[in-house]
Amino acid sequence: MTAAAWLEHVAALNERWDTLAYRYYGDANRTGPIIRANRDLFGEGPIPCILPPGLTVKIPVLDPQPIADALLPPWKRASA
């Protein structure tokens, strides 16, 4: 059995793409994958900034972003 390519999320009142990105990815700037996965929900029309309450959106499962060595303590940095 393989893991799902996405999770499903039901939008709450006043929820936005950036709040979903922060909730699931820890980075409010990673809205792109979520918006692309849900583009079909809005047809050719504009994508709303605030999601309609009750709308089920797909949250793609992404590989974690690597942490820069400079942000790690010395004992966790990759050896040169």
N, C-alpha and C. Protein backbone atom coordinates (compact mmCIF):
# COMPACT_ATOMS: atom_id res chain seq x y z
N MET A 1 0.84 -1.18 0.00
CA MET A 1 0.00 0.00 0.00
C MET A 1 0.89 1.24 0.00
N THR A 2 0.65 2.16 -0.91
CA THR A 2 1.47 3.37 -1.00
C THR A 2 0.77 4.52 -0.30
N ALA A 3 1.55 5.48 0.13
CA ALA A 3 1.00 6.67 0.79
C ALA A 3 0.29 7.54 -0.23
N ALA A 4 -0.69 8.28 0.22
CA ALA A 4 -1.43 9.18 -0.66
C ALA A 4 -0.52 10.30 -1.15
N ALA A 5 -0.79 10.77 -2.34
CA ALA A 5 -0.02 11.87 -2.91
C ALA A 5 -0.44 13.20 -2.30
N TRP A 6 -1.59 13.20 -1.62
CA TRP A 6 -2.06 14.42 -0.98
C TRP A 6 -2.95 14.07 0.21
N LEU A 7 -3.15 15.07 1.06
CA LEU A 7 -4.09 15.00 2.17
C LEU A 7 -5.30 15.83 1.78
N GLU A 8 -6.44 15.57 2.38
CA GLU A 8 -7.61 16.40 2.13
C GLU A 8 -7.84 17.30 3.34
N HIS A 9 -8.18 18.54 3.08
CA HIS A 9 -8.43 19.53 4.12
C HIS A 9 -9.74 20.24 3.81
N VAL A 10 -10.60 20.37 4.79
CA VAL A 10 -11.85 21.11 4.62
C VAL A 10 -11.63 22.52 5.16
N ALA A 11 -11.80 23.50 4.29
CA ALA A 11 -11.52 24.89 4.64
C ALA A 11 -12.49 25.40 5.71
N ALA A 12 -11.93 26.12 6.66
CA ALA A 12 -12.71 26.77 7.72
C ALA A 12 -12.98 28.22 7.32
N LEU A 13 -13.77 28.90 8.09
CA LEU A 13 -14.11 30.30 7.83
C LEU A 13 -12.83 31.15 7.81
N ASN A 14 -12.69 31.97 6.78
CA ASN A 14 -11.57 32.91 6.60
C ASN A 14 -10.20 32.24 6.43
N GLU A 15 -10.16 31.01 5.98
CA GLU A 15 -8.89 30.33 5.76
C GLU A 15 -8.32 30.76 4.41
N ARG A 16 -6.99 30.91 4.37
CA ARG A 16 -6.30 31.36 3.15
C ARG A 16 -5.26 30.32 2.75
N TRP A 17 -4.77 30.48 1.52
CA TRP A 17 -3.74 29.57 1.00
C TRP A 17 -2.48 29.62 1.87
N ASP A 18 -2.09 30.81 2.30
CA ASP A 18 -0.86 30.92 3.10
C ASP A 18 -1.02 30.28 4.48
N THR A 19 -2.22 30.33 5.05
CA THR A 19 -2.40 29.68 6.35
C THR A 19 -2.34 28.15 6.20
N LEU A 20 -2.83 27.64 5.08
CA LEU A 20 -2.71 26.20 4.83
C LEU A 20 -1.25 25.81 4.65
N ALA A 21 -0.51 26.60 3.87
CA ALA A 21 0.91 26.31 3.64
C ALA A 21 1.68 26.32 4.96
N TYR A 22 1.39 27.26 5.81
CA TYR A 22 2.07 27.31 7.11
C TYR A 22 1.69 26.12 7.97
N ARG A 23 0.41 25.79 7.98
CA ARG A 23 -0.07 24.68 8.81
C ARG A 23 0.56 23.34 8.39
N TYR A 24 0.61 23.08 7.09
CA TYR A 24 1.07 21.78 6.61
C TYR A 24 2.56 21.72 6.29
N TYR A 25 3.16 22.85 5.89
CA TYR A 25 4.55 22.84 5.48
C TYR A 25 5.46 23.65 6.41
N GLY A 26 4.87 24.41 7.33
CA GLY A 26 5.68 25.24 8.21
C GLY A 26 6.24 26.47 7.52
N ASP A 27 5.74 26.79 6.33
CA ASP A 27 6.25 27.92 5.55
C ASP A 27 5.08 28.54 4.77
N ALA A 28 4.68 29.72 5.16
CA ALA A 28 3.54 30.39 4.51
C ALA A 28 3.81 30.74 3.06
N ASN A 29 5.06 30.71 2.64
CA ASN A 29 5.39 31.04 1.25
C ASN A 29 5.28 29.85 0.30
N ARG A 30 5.00 28.68 0.79
CA ARG A 30 4.91 27.47 -0.06
C ARG A 30 3.47 27.22 -0.52
N THR A 31 2.79 28.27 -0.96
CA THR A 31 1.40 28.14 -1.42
C THR A 31 1.30 27.53 -2.80
N GLY A 32 2.32 27.65 -3.61
CA GLY A 32 2.29 27.20 -5.01
C GLY A 32 1.81 25.77 -5.21
N PRO A 33 2.39 24.79 -4.51
CA PRO A 33 1.95 23.41 -4.71
C PRO A 33 0.46 23.21 -4.36
N ILE A 34 0.00 23.89 -3.33
CA ILE A 34 -1.40 23.73 -2.92
C ILE A 34 -2.33 24.35 -3.96
N ILE A 35 -1.99 25.53 -4.43
CA ILE A 35 -2.83 26.20 -5.44
C ILE A 35 -2.86 25.38 -6.73
N ARG A 36 -1.69 24.90 -7.18
CA ARG A 36 -1.65 24.10 -8.41
C ARG A 36 -2.48 22.83 -8.28
N ALA A 37 -2.46 22.19 -7.13
CA ALA A 37 -3.21 20.95 -6.93
C ALA A 37 -4.72 21.18 -6.93
N ASN A 38 -5.14 22.43 -6.70
CA ASN A 38 -6.57 22.73 -6.58
C ASN A 38 -7.09 23.68 -7.65
N ARG A 39 -6.30 23.94 -8.67
CA ARG A 39 -6.70 24.89 -9.72
C ARG A 39 -8.01 24.49 -10.38
N ASP A 40 -8.25 23.19 -10.51
CA ASP A 40 -9.47 22.71 -11.17
C ASP A 40 -10.74 23.07 -10.41
N LEU A 41 -10.64 23.40 -9.12
CA LEU A 41 -11.83 23.76 -8.34
C LEU A 41 -12.47 25.06 -8.80
N PHE A 42 -11.69 25.91 -9.47
CA PHE A 42 -12.16 27.24 -9.83
C PHE A 42 -12.29 27.46 -11.34
N GLY A 43 -12.11 26.41 -12.13
CA GLY A 43 -12.24 26.53 -13.58
C GLY A 43 -11.29 27.57 -14.13
N GLU A 44 -11.78 28.36 -15.07
CA GLU A 44 -10.96 29.41 -15.67
C GLU A 44 -11.05 30.71 -14.89
N GLY A 45 -11.89 30.75 -13.87
CA GLY A 45 -12.08 31.96 -13.08
C GLY A 45 -10.90 32.25 -12.17
N PRO A 46 -10.96 33.39 -11.50
CA PRO A 46 -9.87 33.75 -10.59
C PRO A 46 -9.85 32.85 -9.35
N ILE A 47 -8.69 32.69 -8.79
CA ILE A 47 -8.54 31.91 -7.58
C ILE A 47 -8.75 32.86 -6.40
N PRO A 48 -9.69 32.56 -5.51
CA PRO A 48 -9.95 33.48 -4.39
C PRO A 48 -8.81 33.46 -3.38
N CYS A 49 -8.59 34.59 -2.73
CA CYS A 49 -7.57 34.67 -1.68
C CYS A 49 -8.05 33.96 -0.42
N ILE A 50 -9.34 34.11 -0.12
CA ILE A 50 -9.94 33.46 1.04
C ILE A 50 -10.78 32.29 0.53
N LEU A 51 -10.54 31.12 1.07
CA LEU A 51 -11.24 29.92 0.62
C LEU A 51 -12.68 29.89 1.13
N PRO A 52 -13.60 29.41 0.30
CA PRO A 52 -14.98 29.26 0.76
C PRO A 52 -15.05 28.21 1.88
N PRO A 53 -15.72 28.51 2.99
CA PRO A 53 -15.83 27.53 4.07
C PRO A 53 -16.48 26.24 3.58
N GLY A 54 -15.95 25.12 4.02
CA GLY A 54 -16.49 23.82 3.64
C GLY A 54 -15.88 23.24 2.38
N LEU A 55 -15.08 24.02 1.65
CA LEU A 55 -14.43 23.54 0.44
C LEU A 55 -13.35 22.53 0.80
N THR A 56 -13.36 21.37 0.15
CA THR A 56 -12.33 20.37 0.38
C THR A 56 -11.20 20.60 -0.61
N VAL A 57 -10.01 20.84 -0.09
CA VAL A 57 -8.84 21.09 -0.93
C VAL A 57 -7.81 19.98 -0.72
N LYS A 58 -7.00 19.75 -1.75
CA LYS A 58 -5.92 18.77 -1.69
C LYS A 58 -4.65 19.47 -1.19
N ILE A 59 -3.97 18.83 -0.27
CA ILE A 59 -2.69 19.32 0.21
C ILE A 59 -1.63 18.31 -0.23
N PRO A 60 -0.83 18.65 -1.25
CA PRO A 60 0.18 17.70 -1.72
C PRO A 60 1.19 17.35 -0.63
N VAL A 61 1.57 16.10 -0.58
CA VAL A 61 2.61 15.65 0.34
C VAL A 61 3.95 15.94 -0.34
N LEU A 62 4.75 16.80 0.28
CA LEU A 62 6.03 17.22 -0.29
C LEU A 62 7.19 16.66 0.52
N ASP A 63 8.31 16.49 -0.14
CA ASP A 63 9.53 16.14 0.57
C ASP A 63 9.96 17.35 1.40
N PRO A 64 10.50 17.12 2.58
CA PRO A 64 10.93 18.26 3.40
C PRO A 64 12.07 19.01 2.73
N GLN A 65 12.09 20.32 2.96
CA GLN A 65 13.18 21.13 2.42
C GLN A 65 14.41 20.91 3.29
N PRO A 66 15.59 20.80 2.66
CA PRO A 66 16.80 20.61 3.46
C PRO A 66 17.11 21.85 4.29
N ILE A 67 17.69 21.62 5.45
CA ILE A 67 18.08 22.73 6.32
C ILE A 67 19.51 23.10 5.97
N ALA A 68 19.76 24.39 5.80
CA ALA A 68 21.11 24.86 5.49
C ALA A 68 22.04 24.54 6.65
N ASP A 69 23.24 24.08 6.33
CA ASP A 69 24.21 23.73 7.37
C ASP A 69 24.48 24.89 8.32
N ALA A 70 24.43 26.11 7.82
CA ALA A 70 24.73 27.27 8.65
C ALA A 70 23.71 27.43 9.77
N LEU A 71 22.52 26.86 9.61
CA LEU A 71 21.49 26.98 10.63
C LEU A 71 21.57 25.87 11.68
N LEU A 72 22.39 24.88 11.42
CA LEU A 72 22.52 23.76 12.34
C LEU A 72 23.65 23.99 13.34
N PRO A 73 23.54 23.39 14.51
CA PRO A 73 24.67 23.47 15.44
C PRO A 73 25.85 22.70 14.85
N PRO A 74 27.07 23.04 15.24
CA PRO A 74 28.26 22.42 14.62
C PRO A 74 28.25 20.90 14.60
N TRP A 75 27.76 20.26 15.65
CA TRP A 75 27.80 18.80 15.71
C TRP A 75 26.80 18.12 14.78
N LYS A 76 25.87 18.89 14.18
CA LYS A 76 24.91 18.31 13.25
C LYS A 76 25.24 18.67 11.79
N ARG A 77 26.24 19.48 11.56
CA ARG A 77 26.60 19.88 10.21
C ARG A 77 27.27 18.74 9.47
N ALA A 78 27.08 18.73 8.15
CA ALA A 78 27.74 17.71 7.31
C ALA A 78 29.23 17.93 7.35
N SER A 79 29.98 16.86 7.43
CA SER A 79 31.44 17.01 7.47
C SER A 79 31.95 17.34 6.07
N ALA A 80 32.95 18.17 6.00
CA ALA A 80 33.50 18.62 4.72
C ALA A 80 34.50 17.65 4.18
